[in-house]
Amino acid sequence: MSRTGCVINADNVVDMSADIIFDAVAMTYGKVKGTEMNILTSFRAIEAQEIAANLESYLDYGAENRAEYLQMLSEDYDVDLDIVHAMADVLGPMEDFDGLVTSLEDIA
């Protein structure tokens, strides 16, 4: 797998090693020095693992991946997709089927 243009998503994260995830984060979010990069890398790696763990659940809901699932939520609750993405970013992938849905119900 070439590391150039590598993107972290549920389609490819399952087979990624830690160094590839690190490189993907660095390419996506820019080089950050020292502790900030370690924290960012750890956070994004955990988030990518959570998305991969949810992949079967996304499929159960009729979505191919998280992006499609968020699009479906946007349409189902008639909430702008940008708002759904913002809420999903704040809550994290572990809340895609609970906290995010509850939050969307609250604002719909």
C-alpha atoms as a PDB file:
ATOM      1  CA  MET A   1       0.000   0.000   0.000  1.00  0.00           C
ATOM      2  CA  SER A   2       1.402   3.377  -0.934  1.00  0.00           C
ATOM      3  CA  ARG A   3       1.376   5.881   1.881  1.00  0.00           C
ATOM      4  CA  THR A   4       0.949   8.807  -0.478  1.00  0.00           C
ATOM      5  CA  GLY A   5      -2.616  10.025  -0.305  1.00  0.00           C
ATOM      6  CA  CYS A   6      -3.509   7.462   2.345  1.00  0.00           C
ATOM      7  CA  VAL A   7      -6.856   8.222   3.964  1.00  0.00           C
ATOM      8  CA  ILE A   8      -8.114   6.827   7.251  1.00  0.00           C
ATOM      9  CA  ASN A   9     -11.602   5.411   6.843  1.00  0.00           C
ATOM     10  CA  ALA A  10     -13.554   2.302   7.704  1.00  0.00           C
ATOM     11  CA  ASP A  11     -12.709   0.757   4.341  1.00  0.00           C
ATOM     12  CA  ASN A  12      -8.963   0.577   4.929  1.00  0.00           C
ATOM     13  CA  VAL A  13      -8.242   1.012   8.613  1.00  0.00           C
ATOM     14  CA  VAL A  14      -8.631  -2.633   9.577  1.00  0.00           C
ATOM     15  CA  ASP A  15      -5.416  -3.610   7.785  1.00  0.00           C
ATOM     16  CA  MET A  16      -3.406  -0.531   8.709  1.00  0.00           C
ATOM     17  CA  SER A  17      -0.435  -0.823  11.007  1.00  0.00           C
ATOM     18  CA  ALA A  18       0.340   1.914  13.530  1.00  0.00           C
ATOM     19  CA  ASP A  19       3.057   3.488  11.363  1.00  0.00           C
ATOM     20  CA  ILE A  20       0.713   3.777   8.386  1.00  0.00           C
ATOM     21  CA  ILE A  21      -1.968   5.349  10.591  1.00  0.00           C
ATOM     22  CA  PHE A  22       0.664   7.777  11.925  1.00  0.00           C
ATOM     23  CA  ASP A  23       1.709   8.727   8.386  1.00  0.00           C
ATOM     24  CA  ALA A  24      -1.905   9.112   7.268  1.00  0.00           C
ATOM     25  CA  VAL A  25      -2.660  11.415  10.189  1.00  0.00           C
ATOM     26  CA  ALA A  26       0.474  13.462   9.493  1.00  0.00           C
ATOM     27  CA  MET A  27      -0.464  13.831   5.829  1.00  0.00           C
ATOM     28  CA  THR A  28      -4.075  14.680   6.645  1.00  0.00           C
ATOM     29  CA  TYR A  29      -3.514  17.076   9.540  1.00  0.00           C
ATOM     30  CA  GLY A  30       0.009  18.318   8.885  1.00  0.00           C
ATOM     31  CA  LYS A  31       3.175  17.786  10.818  1.00  0.00           C
ATOM     32  CA  VAL A  32       2.895  18.738  14.466  1.00  0.00           C
ATOM     33  CA  LYS A  33       5.869  18.570  16.778  1.00  0.00           C
ATOM     34  CA  GLY A  34       6.326  16.510  19.918  1.00  0.00           C
ATOM     35  CA  THR A  35       3.531  15.727  22.326  1.00  0.00           C
ATOM     36  CA  GLU A  36       0.791  17.360  20.252  1.00  0.00           C
ATOM     37  CA  MET A  37       1.466  14.936  17.393  1.00  0.00           C
ATOM     38  CA  ASN A  38       1.507  11.955  19.771  1.00  0.00           C
ATOM     39  CA  ILE A  39      -1.841  12.972  21.229  1.00  0.00           C
ATOM     40  CA  LEU A  40      -3.337  13.634  17.792  1.00  0.00           C
ATOM     41  CA  THR A  41      -2.007  10.351  16.446  1.00  0.00           C
ATOM     42  CA  SER A  42      -3.347   8.382  19.412  1.00  0.00           C
ATOM     43  CA  PHE A  43      -6.753  10.059  19.172  1.00  0.00           C
ATOM     44  CA  ARG A  44      -7.101   9.510  15.419  1.00  0.00           C
ATOM     45  CA  ALA A  45      -5.877   5.907  15.647  1.00  0.00           C
ATOM     46  CA  ILE A  46      -8.454   5.144  18.352  1.00  0.00           C
ATOM     47  CA  GLU A  47     -11.159   6.901  16.326  1.00  0.00           C
ATOM     48  CA  ALA A  48     -10.223   4.899  13.224  1.00  0.00           C
ATOM     49  CA  GLN A  49     -10.399   1.660  15.223  1.00  0.00           C
ATOM     50  CA  GLU A  50     -13.844   2.640  16.545  1.00  0.00           C
ATOM     51  CA  ILE A  51     -15.083   3.318  13.010  1.00  0.00           C
ATOM     52  CA  ALA A  52     -13.747  -0.048  11.860  1.00  0.00           C
ATOM     53  CA  ALA A  53     -15.444  -1.746  14.826  1.00  0.00           C
ATOM     54  CA  ASN A  54     -18.739  -0.083  13.839  1.00  0.00           C
ATOM     55  CA  LEU A  55     -18.504  -1.136  10.185  1.00  0.00           C
ATOM     56  CA  GLU A  56     -20.824  -4.115  10.646  1.00  0.00           C
ATOM     57  CA  SER A  57     -23.363  -1.893  12.400  1.00  0.00           C
ATOM     58  CA  TYR A  58     -23.241   0.640   9.542  1.00  0.00           C
ATOM     59  CA  LEU A  59     -23.931  -2.237   7.151  1.00  0.00           C
ATOM     60  CA  ASP A  60     -26.833  -3.407   9.361  1.00  0.00           C
ATOM     61  CA  TYR A  61     -28.375   0.054   8.952  1.00  0.00           C
ATOM     62  CA  GLY A  62     -28.010  -0.182   5.168  1.00  0.00           C
ATOM     63  CA  ALA A  63     -24.951   2.065   4.858  1.00  0.00           C
ATOM     64  CA  GLU A  64     -21.665   1.065   3.230  1.00  0.00           C
ATOM     65  CA  ASN A  65     -19.591   3.166   5.648  1.00  0.00           C
ATOM     66  CA  ARG A  66     -19.765   5.900   8.283  1.00  0.00           C
ATOM     67  CA  ALA A  67     -20.055   8.715   5.750  1.00  0.00           C
ATOM     68  CA  GLU A  68     -23.094   7.091   4.160  1.00  0.00           C
ATOM     69  CA  TYR A  69     -24.590   6.412   7.605  1.00  0.00           C
ATOM     70  CA  LEU A  70     -24.212  10.079   8.574  1.00  0.00           C
ATOM     71  CA  GLN A  71     -25.841  11.078   5.278  1.00  0.00           C
ATOM     72  CA  MET A  72     -28.758   8.775   6.067  1.00  0.00           C
ATOM     73  CA  LEU A  73     -29.133  10.324   9.531  1.00  0.00           C
ATOM     74  CA  SER A  74     -29.107  13.784   7.975  1.00  0.00           C
ATOM     75  CA  GLU A  75     -31.960  12.810   5.668  1.00  0.00           C
ATOM     76  CA  ASP A  76     -33.926  10.818   8.267  1.00  0.00           C
ATOM     77  CA  TYR A  77     -33.903  13.633  10.846  1.00  0.00           C
ATOM     78  CA  ASP A  78     -33.978  16.487   8.302  1.00  0.00           C
ATOM     79  CA  VAL A  79     -30.827  18.009   9.813  1.00  0.00           C
ATOM     80  CA  ASP A  80     -28.183  19.680   7.652  1.00  0.00           C
ATOM     81  CA  LEU A  81     -25.323  17.276   6.874  1.00  0.00           C
ATOM     82  CA  ASP A  82     -22.731  19.766   8.157  1.00  0.00           C
ATOM     83  CA  ILE A  83     -24.473  19.795  11.536  1.00  0.00           C
ATOM     84  CA  VAL A  84     -24.585  15.994  11.616  1.00  0.00           C
ATOM     85  CA  HIS A  85     -20.857  15.871  10.833  1.00  0.00           C
ATOM     86  CA  ALA A  86     -20.071  18.449  13.515  1.00  0.00           C
ATOM     87  CA  MET A  87     -22.068  16.540  16.110  1.00  0.00           C
ATOM     88  CA  ALA A  88     -20.494  13.234  15.050  1.00  0.00           C
ATOM     89  CA  ASP A  89     -17.014  14.758  15.344  1.00  0.00           C
ATOM     90  CA  VAL A  90     -17.710  16.014  18.866  1.00  0.00           C
ATOM     91  CA  LEU A  91     -19.348  12.788  20.069  1.00  0.00           C
ATOM     92  CA  GLY A  92     -17.015  10.367  18.286  1.00  0.00           C
ATOM     93  CA  PRO A  93     -17.766   7.120  16.474  1.00  0.00           C
ATOM     94  CA  MET A  94     -18.663   5.208  19.634  1.00  0.00           C
ATOM     95  CA  GLU A  95     -21.800   7.372  19.917  1.00  0.00           C
ATOM     96  CA  ASP A  96     -22.948   6.962  16.299  1.00  0.00           C
ATOM     97  CA  PHE A  97     -25.839   4.677  17.276  1.00  0.00           C
ATOM     98  CA  ASP A  98     -26.773   6.139  20.644  1.00  0.00           C
ATOM     99  CA  GLY A  99     -25.680   9.658  21.617  1.00  0.00           C
ATOM    100  CA  LEU A 100     -25.665  11.011  18.065  1.00  0.00           C
ATOM    101  CA  VAL A 101     -29.139   9.661  17.317  1.00  0.00           C
ATOM    102  CA  THR A 102     -30.479  11.012  20.613  1.00  0.00           C
ATOM    103  CA  SER A 103     -28.936  14.416  19.917  1.00  0.00           C
ATOM    104  CA  LEU A 104     -30.462  14.504  16.446  1.00  0.00           C
ATOM    105  CA  GLU A 105     -33.860  13.579  17.884  1.00  0.00           C
ATOM    106  CA  ASP A 106     -33.523  16.475  20.324  1.00  0.00           C
ATOM    107  CA  ILE A 107     -32.937  19.059  17.593  1.00  0.00           C
ATOM    108  CA  ALA A 108     -35.208  17.620  14.883  1.00  0.00           C
END
